[in-house]
Amino acid sequence: MKNKKTKKFQDSKEYLAKKEYFNKFITVFGKKTVSDLVDQHPEIKIERILVDRHNQSKSLRAIVRKAQAKGIAIKEMEPEALHRISKNKNEDQGIVADVLGKLENDWPKFLNYQNGPSTILAVDGVTNPANLGMIVRSVAAAGVSGLLLPKEGVPSINQPLLIKAAAGAVFKFPIYSHPKLADALSLAKAKGYKIIGLSSEKAAANLFTQPRLERAVYVLGNESLGLSEEVRQKCDRFVSIPMSNKVESLNVAAAATLVAYYFGEHSRD
C-alpha cells in the first residue's frame, strides 16, 4: 500500500505536469531500433536518449556519438533507473529513446483517399506484443499497402517491446487504426474491399490457389481462438494455409508473412 507521502507527491501539480509531459513520448529501446531512428528518420523528433552509464560497448557508444553530432540530448544514468523507464531490463540493451511521433493513421481517412489497388492485412485478437511486432516487420517487408489494427483486443503499437520486435518497421510502414475491427471491415466493404478471413476449417479454400484481388483485407485471428464471431460475420470468404506432417497451425506471425508475400508487392505477376 502506498504511504501518504508518496500519495501526496503523486497528486501534486508538479508530478501530474511531469507525467503529462512524458506521456507525449513514445519510448523505444534496443541498439538497432535507436540507431535506425538516429540514422534514418530525421522526420521523427528524438527528445532524448538515455544510456546505461556503465555500458561501454563500442556499438552503444557509436550510437551516442552519432546522436550527439546531431544535437540530440544524451542522459547517462544508472542501469536500474534505465530499466524502470524501459520496463524491460532483459531487452533494452542499455539504451532507451523518447521520441515524438504518431505511429497510427486514421482508417476512414485512408479509405476516403485510396482509389487504386490495395492489399491490407488486419489482425483480430493477437495479444502478444512480440508477435505483433514481427507481423509489422514481415508485412512491411512484403510490400502490402498497410496493416489494420483495432484499438480493442491487441497491444498498443506504441509498446516498446513491439517496436523492438518490429525492428523499426513501425516508423517506415503505414499502420491504420480504428476502435473496433468489425466496424473497420464494414467501412472497407462499403468502399469495395473484399474481406478474406484466414481459417483452419476444412471448407476454407487453399490460400495458394487464390487470385490476387484488386482491393482486399486479409484478416488473421488469435492463434488459439481464431477469428471472433463478429469478425467472421464480416468475411466474404475464408482461406487456409495447407499443412503437412500433422502440423495443425502456424504461429500467427509466420502465417501473416505467407499471406503478405503471396498477395503483396513481391508476389507473382
Protein backbone atom coordinates (compact mmCIF):
# COMPACT_ATOMS: atom_id res chain seq x y z
CA MET A 1 0.00 0.00 0.00
CA LYS A 2 1.33 3.45 -0.89
CA ASN A 3 2.25 5.66 2.06
CA LYS A 4 0.69 9.10 2.49
CA LYS A 5 3.88 10.90 1.43
CA THR A 6 4.05 9.01 -1.90
CA LYS A 7 0.32 9.52 -2.49
CA LYS A 8 0.61 13.25 -1.80
CA PHE A 9 3.51 13.58 -4.28
CA GLN A 10 1.63 11.68 -7.00
CA ASP A 11 -1.33 14.03 -6.58
CA SER A 12 0.86 17.14 -6.76
CA LYS A 13 0.72 19.55 -9.70
CA GLU A 14 4.44 19.03 -10.28
CA TYR A 15 4.05 15.25 -10.63
CA LEU A 16 0.94 15.49 -12.82
CA ALA A 17 2.59 18.05 -15.11
CA LYS A 18 5.68 15.85 -15.45
CA LYS A 19 3.52 12.80 -16.17
CA GLU A 20 1.53 14.68 -18.82
CA TYR A 21 4.77 15.85 -20.45
CA PHE A 22 6.29 12.37 -20.71
CA ASN A 23 3.02 10.80 -21.85
CA LYS A 24 3.52 12.66 -25.14
CA PHE A 25 6.51 10.49 -25.96
CA ILE A 26 6.88 7.02 -27.38
CA THR A 27 9.55 5.04 -25.56
CA VAL A 28 11.74 2.81 -27.72
CA PHE A 29 14.71 0.70 -26.71
CA GLY A 30 17.40 -1.55 -28.12
CA LYS A 31 20.54 -0.64 -30.04
CA LYS A 32 19.25 -1.38 -33.54
CA THR A 33 15.94 0.42 -33.06
CA VAL A 34 17.53 3.55 -31.59
CA SER A 35 20.37 3.51 -34.13
CA ASP A 36 17.90 3.29 -37.02
CA LEU A 37 15.96 6.24 -35.64
CA VAL A 38 19.11 8.36 -35.39
CA ASP A 39 20.36 7.37 -38.86
CA GLN A 40 17.24 7.04 -40.99
CA HIS A 41 14.40 9.13 -39.59
CA PRO A 42 15.13 12.86 -39.47
CA GLU A 43 11.36 13.46 -39.59
CA ILE A 44 10.96 11.91 -36.12
CA LYS A 45 11.96 14.11 -33.19
CA ILE A 46 14.11 12.31 -30.64
CA GLU A 47 13.67 14.25 -27.42
CA ARG A 48 16.47 12.47 -25.59
CA ILE A 49 18.45 9.25 -25.43
CA LEU A 50 19.05 7.56 -22.10
CA VAL A 51 22.02 5.22 -21.71
CA ASP A 52 23.45 2.94 -19.05
CA ARG A 53 26.46 4.89 -17.77
CA HIS A 54 28.33 1.65 -17.10
CA ASN A 55 27.80 0.18 -20.57
CA GLN A 56 30.88 1.00 -22.62
CA SER A 57 30.24 -1.34 -25.56
CA LYS A 58 31.55 0.04 -28.85
CA SER A 59 28.20 -0.31 -30.62
CA LEU A 60 26.31 1.60 -27.93
CA ARG A 61 28.90 4.36 -27.70
CA ALA A 62 28.88 4.71 -31.50
CA ILE A 63 25.13 5.43 -31.32
CA VAL A 64 25.75 8.00 -28.60
CA ARG A 65 28.38 9.79 -30.70
CA LYS A 66 26.10 9.89 -33.77
CA ALA A 67 23.25 11.26 -31.68
CA GLN A 68 25.44 13.93 -30.08
CA ALA A 69 26.66 15.01 -33.53
CA LYS A 70 23.01 15.63 -34.45
CA GLY A 71 22.34 17.65 -31.32
CA ILE A 72 20.26 15.00 -29.55
CA ALA A 73 20.34 15.21 -25.76
CA ILE A 74 22.06 12.28 -24.03
CA LYS A 75 21.46 11.36 -20.40
CA GLU A 76 23.75 8.87 -18.67
CA MET A 77 22.05 7.02 -15.82
CA GLU A 78 22.29 4.03 -13.53
CA PRO A 79 21.06 0.78 -15.13
CA GLU A 80 18.33 0.31 -12.51
CA ALA A 81 16.82 3.70 -13.39
CA LEU A 82 17.06 2.91 -17.11
CA HIS A 83 15.28 -0.42 -16.63
CA ARG A 84 12.45 1.32 -14.76
CA ILE A 85 11.89 3.52 -17.81
CA SER A 86 12.16 0.74 -20.40
CA LYS A 87 10.20 -1.69 -18.19
CA ASN A 88 12.22 -4.45 -19.84
CA LYS A 89 15.73 -4.87 -18.47
CA ASN A 90 16.27 -8.05 -20.49
CA GLU A 91 15.64 -6.32 -23.82
CA ASP A 92 16.68 -2.66 -23.56
CA GLN A 93 20.43 -3.33 -24.18
CA GLY A 94 21.34 -0.29 -22.12
CA ILE A 95 19.75 2.34 -24.37
CA VAL A 96 16.32 4.00 -24.46
CA ALA A 97 14.98 6.87 -26.56
CA ASP A 98 11.98 9.13 -26.01
CA VAL A 99 10.54 10.18 -29.36
CA LEU A 100 7.69 12.38 -30.51
CA GLY A 101 5.66 10.92 -33.32
CA LYS A 102 2.41 9.31 -34.35
CA LEU A 103 2.59 5.68 -35.41
CA GLU A 104 -1.07 5.14 -36.30
CA ASN A 105 -3.01 6.55 -39.23
CA ASP A 106 -6.76 7.08 -39.46
CA TRP A 107 -8.53 4.20 -41.23
CA PRO A 108 -11.59 6.10 -42.57
CA LYS A 109 -9.32 8.82 -43.96
CA PHE A 110 -7.25 6.19 -45.80
CA LEU A 111 -10.39 4.64 -47.29
CA ASN A 112 -11.64 8.01 -48.48
CA TYR A 113 -8.42 8.85 -50.31
CA GLN A 114 -7.29 5.42 -51.55
CA ASN A 115 -8.74 4.85 -55.02
CA GLY A 116 -6.37 2.32 -56.58
CA PRO A 117 -5.47 -1.30 -55.86
CA SER A 118 -4.84 -2.03 -52.20
CA THR A 119 -3.91 -5.07 -50.11
CA ILE A 120 -4.31 -4.71 -46.35
CA LEU A 121 -3.60 -7.18 -43.56
CA ALA A 122 -5.61 -6.98 -40.34
CA VAL A 123 -5.31 -8.81 -37.03
CA ASP A 124 -8.04 -9.87 -34.62
CA GLY A 125 -7.21 -10.72 -31.02
CA VAL A 126 -3.43 -11.05 -31.37
CA THR A 127 -2.36 -10.22 -27.83
CA ASN A 128 1.39 -10.90 -27.78
CA PRO A 129 3.33 -7.66 -28.49
CA ALA A 130 6.40 -9.52 -29.80
CA ASN A 131 4.21 -11.47 -32.23
CA LEU A 132 2.53 -8.28 -33.38
CA GLY A 133 5.91 -6.62 -33.84
CA MET A 134 7.08 -9.50 -36.03
CA ILE A 135 3.87 -9.19 -38.06
CA VAL A 136 4.57 -5.49 -38.65
CA ARG A 137 8.11 -6.29 -39.78
CA SER A 138 7.03 -9.08 -42.15
CA VAL A 139 4.12 -7.32 -43.82
CA ALA A 140 6.19 -4.16 -44.25
CA ALA A 141 8.92 -6.17 -45.99
CA ALA A 142 6.37 -7.90 -48.24
CA GLY A 143 5.12 -4.61 -49.62
CA VAL A 144 1.42 -4.74 -48.80
CA SER A 145 -0.45 -1.45 -48.58
CA GLY A 146 -0.73 -1.38 -44.80
CA LEU A 147 -1.68 -3.08 -41.56
CA LEU A 148 -5.04 -2.52 -39.86
CA LEU A 149 -5.16 -2.76 -36.06
CA PRO A 150 -8.20 -2.34 -33.83
CA LYS A 151 -7.78 -0.33 -30.65
CA GLU A 152 -9.54 -3.14 -28.79
CA GLY A 153 -8.04 -6.58 -28.23
CA VAL A 154 -4.47 -6.00 -29.47
CA PRO A 155 -1.43 -4.35 -27.84
CA SER A 156 -0.80 -0.67 -28.41
CA ILE A 157 1.50 -0.04 -31.36
CA ASN A 158 3.46 2.26 -29.01
CA GLN A 159 4.64 -0.62 -26.80
CA PRO A 160 8.46 -0.63 -26.69
CA LEU A 161 8.73 -4.44 -26.97
CA LEU A 162 6.51 -4.39 -30.06
CA ILE A 163 8.59 -1.63 -31.65
CA LYS A 164 11.81 -3.55 -30.94
CA ALA A 165 10.37 -6.79 -32.38
CA ALA A 166 9.36 -4.85 -35.49
CA ALA A 167 13.00 -3.77 -35.94
CA GLY A 168 11.92 -0.18 -36.56
CA ALA A 169 9.37 -1.07 -39.27
CA VAL A 170 6.65 0.83 -37.37
CA PHE A 171 8.38 4.03 -38.45
CA LYS A 172 8.58 3.04 -42.14
CA PHE A 173 5.22 1.44 -42.90
CA PRO A 174 1.57 2.60 -42.81
CA ILE A 175 -0.35 1.27 -39.83
CA TYR A 176 -4.05 2.11 -39.60
CA SER A 177 -6.25 2.04 -36.53
CA HIS A 178 -9.95 2.01 -35.73
CA PRO A 179 -11.77 1.42 -32.43
CA LYS A 180 -13.36 -1.91 -33.44
CA LEU A 181 -12.15 -4.24 -36.18
CA ALA A 182 -15.65 -5.32 -37.24
CA ASP A 183 -16.63 -1.69 -37.81
CA ALA A 184 -13.40 -1.04 -39.74
CA LEU A 185 -14.17 -4.00 -42.01
CA SER A 186 -17.70 -2.71 -42.64
CA LEU A 187 -16.23 0.61 -43.76
CA ALA A 188 -13.85 -1.24 -46.09
CA LYS A 189 -16.66 -3.32 -47.61
CA ALA A 190 -18.57 -0.12 -48.34
CA LYS A 191 -15.53 1.02 -50.37
CA GLY A 192 -15.44 -2.15 -52.45
CA TYR A 193 -12.96 -4.23 -50.46
CA LYS A 194 -13.35 -7.98 -50.16
CA ILE A 195 -12.78 -9.30 -46.64
CA ILE A 196 -10.87 -12.58 -46.58
CA GLY A 197 -10.53 -14.44 -43.29
CA LEU A 198 -7.70 -16.87 -42.56
CA SER A 199 -9.15 -20.08 -41.16
CA SER A 200 -8.12 -23.65 -40.39
CA GLU A 201 -11.53 -25.12 -41.21
CA LYS A 202 -11.66 -27.77 -43.92
CA ALA A 203 -14.13 -25.83 -46.06
CA ALA A 204 -11.69 -22.91 -46.44
CA ALA A 205 -10.02 -22.56 -49.84
CA ASN A 206 -6.29 -23.17 -50.27
CA LEU A 207 -4.53 -19.82 -49.89
CA PHE A 208 -2.08 -20.62 -52.67
CA THR A 209 -4.78 -21.15 -55.29
CA GLN A 210 -6.39 -17.76 -54.76
CA PRO A 211 -6.17 -14.91 -57.27
CA ARG A 212 -4.78 -11.56 -56.23
CA LEU A 213 -7.73 -9.23 -55.68
CA GLU A 214 -7.63 -5.56 -56.57
CA ARG A 215 -8.88 -4.44 -53.16
CA ALA A 216 -8.82 -6.83 -50.22
CA VAL A 217 -8.36 -7.04 -46.47
CA TYR A 218 -6.90 -10.34 -45.19
CA VAL A 219 -7.74 -10.95 -41.54
CA LEU A 220 -5.71 -13.15 -39.18
CA GLY A 221 -7.06 -14.22 -35.81
CA ASN A 222 -5.82 -15.34 -32.43
CA GLU A 223 -3.67 -18.48 -32.63
CA SER A 224 -5.84 -20.42 -30.18
CA LEU A 225 -9.29 -18.95 -30.76
CA GLY A 226 -9.14 -17.92 -34.41
CA LEU A 227 -11.34 -15.10 -35.67
CA SER A 228 -14.04 -13.71 -33.41
CA GLU A 229 -17.61 -14.39 -34.48
CA GLU A 230 -18.22 -10.67 -35.01
CA VAL A 231 -15.30 -10.51 -37.46
CA ARG A 232 -16.25 -13.79 -39.15
CA GLN A 233 -19.62 -12.29 -39.98
CA LYS A 234 -17.86 -9.58 -42.00
CA CYS A 235 -15.79 -12.02 -44.11
CA ASP A 236 -16.75 -12.67 -47.73
CA ARG A 237 -14.79 -15.92 -47.81
CA PHE A 238 -12.19 -17.94 -45.93
CA VAL A 239 -8.79 -19.27 -46.95
CA SER A 240 -6.40 -21.64 -45.21
CA ILE A 241 -2.69 -22.42 -45.32
CA PRO A 242 -2.20 -26.11 -46.21
CA MET A 243 -0.33 -28.15 -43.58
CA SER A 244 1.78 -31.30 -43.80
CA ASN A 245 3.16 -33.84 -41.31
CA LYS A 246 0.15 -33.46 -39.00
CA VAL A 247 1.12 -29.89 -38.07
CA GLU A 248 -2.11 -28.16 -37.04
CA SER A 249 -1.22 -24.49 -37.38
CA LEU A 250 1.48 -21.85 -37.76
CA ASN A 251 2.48 -19.06 -35.44
CA VAL A 252 0.35 -16.06 -36.42
CA ALA A 253 3.43 -14.04 -37.42
CA ALA A 254 4.54 -16.85 -39.76
CA ALA A 255 1.04 -17.04 -41.24
CA ALA A 256 0.98 -13.27 -41.77
CA THR A 257 4.31 -13.49 -43.58
CA LEU A 258 2.99 -16.09 -46.02
CA VAL A 259 -0.19 -14.13 -46.73
CA ALA A 260 1.66 -10.84 -47.15
CA TYR A 261 4.28 -12.24 -49.53
CA TYR A 262 1.71 -14.16 -51.56
CA PHE A 263 -0.51 -11.13 -52.13
CA GLY A 264 1.91 -8.24 -51.57
CA GLU A 265 4.15 -6.21 -53.85
CA HIS A 266 6.64 -9.06 -54.18
CA SER A 267 4.03 -11.65 -55.24
CA ARG A 268 3.90 -13.19 -58.67
CA ASP A 269 2.70 -11.06 -61.58
